[in-house]
């Protein structure tokens, strides 16, 4: 898996978990201390989130960070 594919996978995992928890994108962004546009770019796979960013997202979603990174969430 190349970097672009991996970013898209992480983005899809974040979006899937967020939707499963009925959290709006803007709410997740606010919980993480991000602008909504930043969360949009992360969920679109258009930016490479840092480890610190992924930790904030995992804490806001109340999941282990590994759930954002694994590829078997389909």
PDB file of N, CA and C in Angstrom:
ATOM      1  N   UNK A   1       0.859  -1.173   0.000  1.00  0.00           N
ATOM      2  CA  UNK A   1       0.000   0.000   0.000  1.00  0.00           C
ATOM      3  C   UNK A   1       0.907   1.237   0.000  1.00  0.00           C
ATOM      4  N   UNK A   2       0.668   2.145  -0.937  1.00  0.00           N
ATOM      5  CA  UNK A   2       1.484   3.362  -0.969  1.00  0.00           C
ATOM      6  C   UNK A   2       0.907   4.418  -0.021  1.00  0.00           C
ATOM      7  N   UNK A   3       1.622   5.523   0.117  1.00  0.00           N
ATOM      8  CA  UNK A   3       1.229   6.558   1.074  1.00  0.00           C
ATOM      9  C   UNK A   3      -0.169   7.109   0.794  1.00  0.00           C
ATOM     10  N   UNK A   4      -0.461   7.360  -0.460  1.00  0.00           N
ATOM     11  CA  UNK A   4      -1.769   7.921  -0.828  1.00  0.00           C
ATOM     12  C   UNK A   4      -2.904   6.964  -0.445  1.00  0.00           C
ATOM     13  N   UNK A   5      -2.709   5.694  -0.735  1.00  0.00           N
ATOM     14  CA  UNK A   5      -3.721   4.686  -0.380  1.00  0.00           C
ATOM     15  C   UNK A   5      -3.879   4.583   1.135  1.00  0.00           C
ATOM     16  N   UNK A   6      -2.773   4.667   1.851  1.00  0.00           N
ATOM     17  CA  UNK A   6      -2.825   4.571   3.308  1.00  0.00           C
ATOM     18  C   UNK A   6      -3.568   5.775   3.894  1.00  0.00           C
ATOM     19  N   UNK A   7      -3.287   6.970   3.378  1.00  0.00           N
ATOM     20  CA  UNK A   7      -3.990   8.167   3.847  1.00  0.00           C
ATOM     21  C   UNK A   7      -5.495   8.048   3.606  1.00  0.00           C
ATOM     22  N   UNK A   8      -5.865   7.520   2.438  1.00  0.00           N
ATOM     23  CA  UNK A   8      -7.284   7.337   2.139  1.00  0.00           C
ATOM     24  C   UNK A   8      -7.922   6.320   3.087  1.00  0.00           C
ATOM     25  N   UNK A   9      -7.166   5.276   3.438  1.00  0.00           N
ATOM     26  CA  UNK A   9      -7.679   4.255   4.363  1.00  0.00           C
ATOM     27  C   UNK A   9      -7.894   4.853   5.751  1.00  0.00           C
ATOM     28  N   UNK A  10      -6.916   5.609   6.240  1.00  0.00           N
ATOM     29  CA  UNK A  10      -7.044   6.260   7.550  1.00  0.00           C
ATOM     30  C   UNK A  10      -8.223   7.233   7.525  1.00  0.00           C
ATOM     31  N   UNK A  11      -8.333   8.003   6.460  1.00  0.00           N
ATOM     32  CA  UNK A  11      -9.434   8.952   6.313  1.00  0.00           C
ATOM     33  C   UNK A  11     -10.783   8.239   6.350  1.00  0.00           C
ATOM     34  N   UNK A  12     -10.880   7.133   5.629  1.00  0.00           N
ATOM     35  CA  UNK A  12     -12.134   6.370   5.598  1.00  0.00           C
ATOM     36  C   UNK A  12     -12.458   5.794   6.971  1.00  0.00           C
ATOM     37  N   UNK A  13     -11.450   5.345   7.695  1.00  0.00           N
ATOM     38  CA  UNK A  13     -11.674   4.806   9.040  1.00  0.00           C
ATOM     39  C   UNK A  13     -12.190   5.878   9.977  1.00  0.00           C
ATOM     40  N   UNK A  14     -11.589   7.060   9.919  1.00  0.00           N
ATOM     41  CA  UNK A  14     -12.041   8.164  10.770  1.00  0.00           C
ATOM     42  C   UNK A  14     -13.498   8.488  10.465  1.00  0.00           C
ATOM     43  N   UNK A  15     -13.808   8.629   9.190  1.00  0.00           N
ATOM     44  CA  UNK A  15     -15.175   8.976   8.782  1.00  0.00           C
ATOM     45  C   UNK A  15     -16.174   7.898   9.201  1.00  0.00           C
ATOM     46  N   UNK A  16     -15.801   6.639   8.991  1.00  0.00           N
ATOM     47  CA  UNK A  16     -16.706   5.540   9.337  1.00  0.00           C
ATOM     48  C   UNK A  16     -16.995   5.501  10.841  1.00  0.00           C
ATOM     49  N   UNK A  17     -15.960   5.656  11.649  1.00  0.00           N
ATOM     50  CA  UNK A  17     -16.137   5.645  13.112  1.00  0.00           C
ATOM     51  C   UNK A  17     -16.965   6.848  13.544  1.00  0.00           C
ATOM     52  N   UNK A  18     -16.656   8.011  12.984  1.00  0.00           N
ATOM     53  CA  UNK A  18     -17.405   9.233  13.336  1.00  0.00           C
ATOM     54  C   UNK A  18     -18.886   9.070  13.020  1.00  0.00           C
ATOM     55  N   UNK A  19     -19.188   8.558  11.840  1.00  0.00           N
ATOM     56  CA  UNK A  19     -20.589   8.372  11.455  1.00  0.00           C
ATOM     57  C   UNK A  19     -21.279   7.316  12.314  1.00  0.00           C
ATOM     58  N   UNK A  20     -20.566   6.249  12.647  1.00  0.00           N
ATOM     59  CA  UNK A  20     -21.140   5.191  13.489  1.00  0.00           C
ATOM     60  C   UNK A  20     -21.504   5.728  14.872  1.00  0.00           C
ATOM     61  N   UNK A  21     -20.791   6.754  15.302  1.00  0.00           N
ATOM     62  CA  UNK A  21     -21.055   7.355  16.610  1.00  0.00           C
ATOM     63  C   UNK A  21     -21.981   8.569  16.507  1.00  0.00           C
ATOM     64  N   UNK A  22     -22.507   8.803  15.310  1.00  0.00           N
ATOM     65  CA  UNK A  22     -23.425   9.916  15.055  1.00  0.00           C
ATOM     66  C   UNK A  22     -22.839  11.269  15.479  1.00  0.00           C
ATOM     67  N   UNK A  23     -21.588  11.475  15.116  1.00  0.00           N
ATOM     68  CA  UNK A  23     -20.918  12.734  15.411  1.00  0.00           C
ATOM     69  C   UNK A  23     -20.759  13.489  14.098  1.00  0.00           C
ATOM     70  N   UNK A  24     -21.146  14.741  14.091  1.00  0.00           N
ATOM     71  CA  UNK A  24     -20.980  15.569  12.893  1.00  0.00           C
ATOM     72  C   UNK A  24     -19.510  15.949  12.754  1.00  0.00           C
ATOM     73  N   UNK A  25     -19.106  16.165  11.529  1.00  0.00           N
ATOM     74  CA  UNK A  25     -17.716  16.506  11.258  1.00  0.00           C
ATOM     75  C   UNK A  25     -17.285  17.760  12.023  1.00  0.00           C
ATOM     76  N   UNK A  26     -18.146  18.751  12.057  1.00  0.00           N
ATOM     77  CA  UNK A  26     -17.826  19.990  12.758  1.00  0.00           C
ATOM     78  C   UNK A  26     -17.696  19.747  14.267  1.00  0.00           C
ATOM     79  N   UNK A  27     -18.490  18.840  14.807  1.00  0.00           N
ATOM     80  CA  UNK A  27     -18.393  18.515  16.233  1.00  0.00           C
ATOM     81  C   UNK A  27     -17.065  17.833  16.542  1.00  0.00           C
ATOM     82  N   UNK A  28     -16.652  16.918  15.675  1.00  0.00           N
ATOM     83  CA  UNK A  28     -15.382  16.244  15.871  1.00  0.00           C
ATOM     84  C   UNK A  28     -14.236  17.251  15.771  1.00  0.00           C
ATOM     85  N   UNK A  29     -14.307  18.122  14.792  1.00  0.00           N
ATOM     86  CA  UNK A  29     -13.268  19.144  14.629  1.00  0.00           C
ATOM     87  C   UNK A  29     -13.173  19.992  15.899  1.00  0.00           C
ATOM     88  N   UNK A  30     -14.309  20.428  16.411  1.00  0.00           N
ATOM     89  CA  UNK A  30     -14.337  21.257  17.610  1.00  0.00           C
ATOM     90  C   UNK A  30     -13.758  20.504  18.807  1.00  0.00           C
ATOM     91  N   UNK A  31     -14.117  19.229  18.946  1.00  0.00           N
ATOM     92  CA  UNK A  31     -13.610  18.412  20.056  1.00  0.00           C
ATOM     93  C   UNK A  31     -12.089  18.265  20.014  1.00  0.00           C
ATOM     94  N   UNK A  32     -11.547  18.306  18.804  1.00  0.00           N
ATOM     95  CA  UNK A  32     -10.099  18.152  18.624  1.00  0.00           C
ATOM     96  C   UNK A  32      -9.358  19.490  18.649  1.00  0.00           C
ATOM     97  N   UNK A  33     -10.112  20.579  18.631  1.00  0.00           N
ATOM     98  CA  UNK A  33      -9.493  21.897  18.577  1.00  0.00           C
ATOM     99  C   UNK A  33      -9.042  22.281  17.178  1.00  0.00           C
ATOM    100  N   UNK A  34      -9.700  21.709  16.156  1.00  0.00           N
ATOM    101  CA  UNK A  34      -9.364  21.976  14.762  1.00  0.00           C
ATOM    102  C   UNK A  34     -10.440  22.847  14.122  1.00  0.00           C
ATOM    103  N   UNK A  35     -10.074  23.472  13.019  1.00  0.00           N
ATOM    104  CA  UNK A  35     -11.055  24.123  12.162  1.00  0.00           C
ATOM    105  C   UNK A  35     -11.774  23.028  11.368  1.00  0.00           C
ATOM    106  N   UNK A  36     -13.038  23.289  10.998  1.00  0.00           N
ATOM    107  CA  UNK A  36     -13.797  22.301  10.232  1.00  0.00           C
ATOM    108  C   UNK A  36     -13.076  21.949   8.933  1.00  0.00           C
ATOM    109  N   UNK A  37     -12.454  22.929   8.291  1.00  0.00           N
ATOM    110  CA  UNK A  37     -11.759  22.692   7.027  1.00  0.00           C
ATOM    111  C   UNK A  37     -10.604  21.705   7.205  1.00  0.00           C
ATOM    112  N   UNK A  38      -9.938  21.760   8.347  1.00  0.00           N
ATOM    113  CA  UNK A  38      -8.851  20.817   8.603  1.00  0.00           C
ATOM    114  C   UNK A  38      -9.397  19.394   8.699  1.00  0.00           C
ATOM    115  N   UNK A  39     -10.526  19.232   9.380  1.00  0.00           N
ATOM    116  CA  UNK A  39     -11.129  17.909   9.508  1.00  0.00           C
ATOM    117  C   UNK A  39     -11.608  17.423   8.139  1.00  0.00           C
ATOM    118  N   UNK A  40     -12.119  18.323   7.321  1.00  0.00           N
ATOM    119  CA  UNK A  40     -12.545  17.944   5.968  1.00  0.00           C
ATOM    120  C   UNK A  40     -11.363  17.414   5.170  1.00  0.00           C
ATOM    121  N   UNK A  41     -10.221  18.081   5.260  1.00  0.00           N
ATOM    122  CA  UNK A  41      -9.036  17.633   4.523  1.00  0.00           C
ATOM    123  C   UNK A  41      -8.542  16.283   5.040  1.00  0.00           C
ATOM    124  N   UNK A  42      -8.597  16.085   6.341  1.00  0.00           N
ATOM    125  CA  UNK A  42      -8.167  14.803   6.916  1.00  0.00           C
ATOM    126  C   UNK A  42      -9.078  13.691   6.430  1.00  0.00           C
ATOM    127  N   UNK A  43     -10.391  13.891   6.514  1.00  0.00           N
ATOM    128  CA  UNK A  43     -11.341  12.856   6.090  1.00  0.00           C
ATOM    129  C   UNK A  43     -11.340  12.626   4.586  1.00  0.00           C
ATOM    130  N   UNK A  44     -10.863  13.583   3.835  1.00  0.00           N
ATOM    131  CA  UNK A  44     -10.771  13.417   2.383  1.00  0.00           C
ATOM    132  C   UNK A  44      -9.448  12.770   1.979  1.00  0.00           C
ATOM    133  N   UNK A  45      -8.565  12.578   2.946  1.00  0.00           N
ATOM    134  CA  UNK A  45      -7.269  11.986   2.647  1.00  0.00           C
ATOM    135  C   UNK A  45      -6.350  12.933   1.904  1.00  0.00           C
ATOM    136  N   UNK A  46      -6.602  14.244   2.042  1.00  0.00           N
ATOM    137  CA  UNK A  46      -5.819  15.238   1.313  1.00  0.00           C
ATOM    138  C   UNK A  46      -4.662  15.801   2.121  1.00  0.00           C
ATOM    139  N   UNK A  47      -4.536  15.362   3.369  1.00  0.00           N
ATOM    140  CA  UNK A  47      -3.442  15.813   4.215  1.00  0.00           C
ATOM    141  C   UNK A  47      -2.955  14.638   5.045  1.00  0.00           C
ATOM    142  N   UNK A  48      -1.725  14.710   5.444  1.00  0.00           N
ATOM    143  CA  UNK A  48      -1.135  13.632   6.236  1.00  0.00           C
ATOM    144  C   UNK A  48      -1.145  14.051   7.708  1.00  0.00           C
ATOM    145  N   UNK A  49      -2.081  13.518   8.487  1.00  0.00           N
ATOM    146  CA  UNK A  49      -2.163  13.929   9.889  1.00  0.00           C
ATOM    147  C   UNK A  49      -0.964  13.419  10.693  1.00  0.00           C
ATOM    148  N   UNK A  50      -0.516  14.246  11.616  1.00  0.00           N
ATOM    149  CA  UNK A  50       0.584  13.850  12.493  1.00  0.00           C
ATOM    150  C   UNK A  50       0.074  12.856  13.528  1.00  0.00           C
ATOM    151  N   UNK A  51       1.000  12.249  14.223  1.00  0.00           N
ATOM    152  CA  UNK A  51       0.634  11.332  15.303  1.00  0.00           C
ATOM    153  C   UNK A  51      -0.176  12.071  16.364  1.00  0.00           C
ATOM    154  N   UNK A  52       0.231  13.279  16.685  1.00  0.00           N
ATOM    155  CA  UNK A  52      -0.496  14.090  17.671  1.00  0.00           C
ATOM    156  C   UNK A  52      -1.940  14.330  17.215  1.00  0.00           C
ATOM    157  N   UNK A  53      -2.120  14.618  15.944  1.00  0.00           N
ATOM    158  CA  UNK A  53      -3.457  14.835  15.392  1.00  0.00           C
ATOM    159  C   UNK A  53      -4.291  13.559  15.487  1.00  0.00           C
ATOM    160  N   UNK A  54      -3.701  12.429  15.125  1.00  0.00           N
ATOM    161  CA  UNK A  54      -4.426  11.153  15.209  1.00  0.00           C
ATOM    162  C   UNK A  54      -4.783  10.811  16.648  1.00  0.00           C
ATOM    163  N   UNK A  55      -3.909  11.141  17.578  1.00  0.00           N
ATOM    164  CA  UNK A  55      -4.222  10.908  18.990  1.00  0.00           C
ATOM    165  C   UNK A  55      -5.414  11.756  19.437  1.00  0.00           C
ATOM    166  N   UNK A  56      -5.441  13.018  19.031  1.00  0.00           N
ATOM    167  CA  UNK A  56      -6.571  13.887  19.377  1.00  0.00           C
ATOM    168  C   UNK A  56      -7.871  13.335  18.803  1.00  0.00           C
ATOM    169  N   UNK A  57      -7.822  12.881  17.556  1.00  0.00           N
ATOM    170  CA  UNK A  57      -9.022  12.334  16.914  1.00  0.00           C
ATOM    171  C   UNK A  57      -9.469  11.063  17.623  1.00  0.00           C
ATOM    172  N   UNK A  58      -8.532  10.181  17.928  1.00  0.00           N
ATOM    173  CA  UNK A  58      -8.903   8.929  18.604  1.00  0.00           C
ATOM    174  C   UNK A  58      -9.489   9.201  19.981  1.00  0.00           C
ATOM    175  N   UNK A  59      -8.942  10.177  20.700  1.00  0.00           N
ATOM    176  CA  UNK A  59      -9.497  10.530  22.010  1.00  0.00           C
ATOM    177  C   UNK A  59     -10.895  11.109  21.879  1.00  0.00           C
ATOM    178  N   UNK A  60     -11.090  11.980  20.899  1.00  0.00           N
ATOM    179  CA  UNK A  60     -12.414  12.585  20.689  1.00  0.00           C
ATOM    180  C   UNK A  60     -13.448  11.536  20.289  1.00  0.00           C
ATOM    181  N   UNK A  61     -13.015  10.531  19.529  1.00  0.00           N
ATOM    182  CA  UNK A  61     -13.921   9.457  19.097  1.00  0.00           C
ATOM    183  C   UNK A  61     -14.030   8.339  20.132  1.00  0.00           C
ATOM    184  N   UNK A  62     -13.203   8.431  21.176  1.00  0.00           N
ATOM    185  CA  UNK A  62     -13.170   7.431  22.244  1.00  0.00           C
ATOM    186  C   UNK A  62     -12.875   6.037  21.710  1.00  0.00           C
ATOM    187  N   UNK A  63     -11.829   5.970  20.865  1.00  0.00           N
ATOM    188  CA  UNK A  63     -11.358   4.695  20.328  1.00  0.00           C
ATOM    189  C   UNK A  63      -9.843   4.640  20.468  1.00  0.00           C
ATOM    190  N   UNK A  64      -9.311   3.450  20.423  1.00  0.00           N
ATOM    191  CA  UNK A  64      -7.871   3.279  20.408  1.00  0.00           C
ATOM    192  C   UNK A  64      -7.345   3.766  19.060  1.00  0.00           C
ATOM    193  N   UNK A  65      -6.213   4.409  19.078  1.00  0.00           N
ATOM    194  CA  UNK A  65      -5.647   4.953  17.834  1.00  0.00           C
ATOM    195  C   UNK A  65      -5.481   3.877  16.768  1.00  0.00           C
ATOM    196  N   UNK A  66      -5.272   2.646  17.178  1.00  0.00           N
ATOM    197  CA  UNK A  66      -5.115   1.558  16.201  1.00  0.00           C
ATOM    198  C   UNK A  66      -6.345   1.401  15.322  1.00  0.00           C
ATOM    199  N   UNK A  67      -7.522   1.759  15.845  1.00  0.00           N
ATOM    200  CA  UNK A  67      -8.744   1.651  15.039  1.00  0.00           C
ATOM    201  C   UNK A  67      -8.734   2.619  13.863  1.00  0.00           C
ATOM    202  N   UNK A  68      -7.973   3.695  13.993  1.00  0.00           N
ATOM    203  CA  UNK A  68      -7.861   4.638  12.887  1.00  0.00           C
ATOM    204  C   UNK A  68      -6.893   4.135  11.828  1.00  0.00           C
ATOM    205  N   UNK A  69      -5.996   3.256  12.227  1.00  0.00           N
ATOM    206  CA  UNK A  69      -4.918   2.826  11.356  1.00  0.00           C
ATOM    207  C   UNK A  69      -5.125   1.477  10.700  1.00  0.00           C
ATOM    208  N   UNK A  70      -5.947   0.627  11.294  1.00  0.00           N
ATOM    209  CA  UNK A  70      -6.114  -0.726  10.746  1.00  0.00           C
ATOM    210  C   UNK A  70      -6.888  -0.675   9.443  1.00  0.00           C
ATOM    211  N   UNK A  71      -6.686  -1.682   8.638  1.00  0.00           N
ATOM    212  CA  UNK A  71      -7.296  -1.668   7.309  1.00  0.00           C
ATOM    213  C   UNK A  71      -8.476  -2.610   7.178  1.00  0.00           C
ATOM    214  N   UNK A  72      -8.964  -3.153   8.261  1.00  0.00           N
ATOM    215  CA  UNK A  72     -10.046  -4.143   8.166  1.00  0.00           C
ATOM    216  C   UNK A  72     -11.341  -3.664   8.807  1.00  0.00           C
ATOM    217  N   UNK A  73     -11.678  -2.404   8.617  1.00  0.00           N
ATOM    218  CA  UNK A  73     -12.892  -1.861   9.204  1.00  0.00           C
ATOM    219  C   UNK A  73     -14.082  -1.895   8.269  1.00  0.00           C
ATOM    220  N   UNK A  74     -13.992  -2.640   7.194  1.00  0.00           N
ATOM    221  CA  UNK A  74     -15.109  -2.684   6.250  1.00  0.00           C
ATOM    222  C   UNK A  74     -16.227  -3.479   6.750  1.00  0.00           C
TER     223      UNK A  74
END
